[in-house]
Amino acid sequence: MKKAIITVVGKDTVGIIAAICMYLSEQGINILDISQTIVDGYFNMMMVTDVTDCGKGFAVLADELRAVGEQKGVIVHCQSDEIFQQMHRI
C-alpha cells in the first residue's frame, strides 16, 4: 500500500472538507485516517490516505491538491508517507 499524508491549514470556511474529499474520491484515493480541528476560526486537518489506486504521479497529485486548496483559500501539502516518516524520525 502506498500512503500519502495530506495537511490542510487556513481560515475556516464552508466546504473545505467537501472540496478535498471530492477530489480524493475522483482520484480513487481512500482516506485511512483523518483528524481536523478549528481553533479561533482557523482550520487544521491531517489525513492519512491510500494512493495505491491513484493513476497520477505524486507530483501531479500534490500540485492538483494545492490548487484545490487555493480555490478554498487554504494551504494544502501532500507528501509521501515514506518521506514523512523519515523527516519525523529521531
Protein backbone atom coordinates (compact mmCIF):
# COMPACT_ATOMS: atom_id res chain seq x y z
CA MET A 1 0.00 0.00 0.00
CA LYS A 2 1.26 3.45 -0.93
CA LYS A 3 0.30 6.11 1.59
CA ALA A 4 0.29 9.91 1.46
CA ILE A 5 -0.01 12.43 4.27
CA ILE A 6 -2.19 15.43 3.43
CA THR A 7 -2.36 18.54 5.61
CA VAL A 8 -4.75 21.45 5.18
CA VAL A 9 -4.41 24.76 7.05
CA GLY A 10 -6.19 28.10 6.74
CA LYS A 11 -9.08 30.30 7.76
CA ASP A 12 -12.20 28.21 8.26
CA THR A 13 -14.81 28.44 5.50
CA VAL A 14 -17.72 26.30 4.36
CA GLY A 15 -16.81 23.36 2.12
CA ILE A 16 -13.11 22.79 2.79
CA ILE A 17 -13.51 19.14 3.75
CA ALA A 18 -16.02 18.57 0.95
CA ALA A 19 -13.69 20.00 -1.72
CA ILE A 20 -10.68 17.97 -0.60
CA CYS A 21 -12.67 14.75 -0.15
CA MET A 22 -14.41 15.15 -3.52
CA TYR A 23 -11.05 15.49 -5.26
CA LEU A 24 -9.65 12.45 -3.42
CA SER A 25 -12.71 10.38 -4.33
CA GLU A 26 -12.43 11.33 -8.01
CA GLN A 27 -8.81 10.11 -7.99
CA GLY A 28 -9.61 6.76 -6.34
CA ILE A 29 -7.82 7.77 -3.13
CA ASN A 30 -9.09 6.26 0.12
CA ILE A 31 -8.92 8.13 3.43
CA LEU A 32 -7.48 5.81 6.08
CA ASP A 33 -7.45 8.26 8.97
CA ILE A 34 -8.50 11.88 9.41
CA SER A 35 -8.23 14.48 12.14
CA GLN A 36 -9.50 18.05 11.96
CA THR A 37 -9.79 20.92 14.38
CA ILE A 38 -10.88 24.53 14.30
CA VAL A 39 -9.10 26.89 16.69
CA ASP A 40 -10.17 30.54 16.89
CA GLY A 41 -11.51 30.42 13.33
CA TYR A 42 -8.52 28.61 11.82
CA PHE A 43 -8.97 25.20 10.21
CA ASN A 44 -6.39 22.42 10.51
CA MET A 45 -6.77 18.92 9.04
CA MET A 46 -4.42 15.96 8.65
CA MET A 47 -5.25 12.88 6.59
CA VAL A 48 -3.51 9.58 6.03
CA THR A 49 -4.56 8.29 2.62
CA ASP A 50 -4.06 5.24 0.44
CA VAL A 51 -2.91 6.42 -3.00
CA THR A 52 -2.26 2.92 -4.40
CA ASP A 53 -5.11 3.17 -6.93
CA CYS A 54 -4.43 6.77 -7.95
CA GLY A 55 -3.36 6.87 -11.58
CA LYS A 56 -1.46 10.15 -11.23
CA GLY A 57 2.14 10.71 -10.31
CA PHE A 58 2.84 12.06 -6.85
CA ALA A 59 3.99 15.50 -8.08
CA VAL A 60 0.81 15.92 -10.15
CA LEU A 61 -1.33 14.83 -7.19
CA ALA A 62 0.39 17.31 -4.87
CA ASP A 63 0.03 20.16 -7.40
CA GLU A 64 -3.65 19.47 -8.01
CA LEU A 65 -4.39 19.27 -4.28
CA ARG A 66 -2.58 22.58 -3.82
CA ALA A 67 -4.83 24.09 -6.50
CA VAL A 68 -7.97 22.72 -4.81
CA GLY A 69 -6.79 24.33 -1.59
CA GLU A 70 -6.17 27.66 -3.29
CA GLN A 71 -9.75 27.66 -4.56
CA LYS A 72 -10.95 27.31 -0.95
CA GLY A 73 -8.39 29.76 0.46
CA VAL A 74 -6.35 27.18 2.38
CA ILE A 75 -2.85 25.72 2.08
CA VAL A 76 -2.68 22.02 1.19
CA HIS A 77 0.51 19.96 1.45
CA CYS A 78 0.78 16.38 0.27
CA GLN A 79 3.79 14.18 0.89
CA SER A 80 4.66 10.53 0.64
CA ASP A 81 4.36 8.54 3.86
CA GLU A 82 7.93 7.32 3.36
CA ILE A 83 9.30 10.87 3.25
CA PHE A 84 7.06 11.93 6.17
CA GLN A 85 8.36 9.02 8.28
CA GLN A 86 12.00 9.84 7.50
CA MET A 87 11.53 13.55 8.28
CA HIS A 88 9.99 12.82 11.68
CA ARG A 89 12.34 10.07 12.74
CA ILE A 90 14.73 10.78 15.59
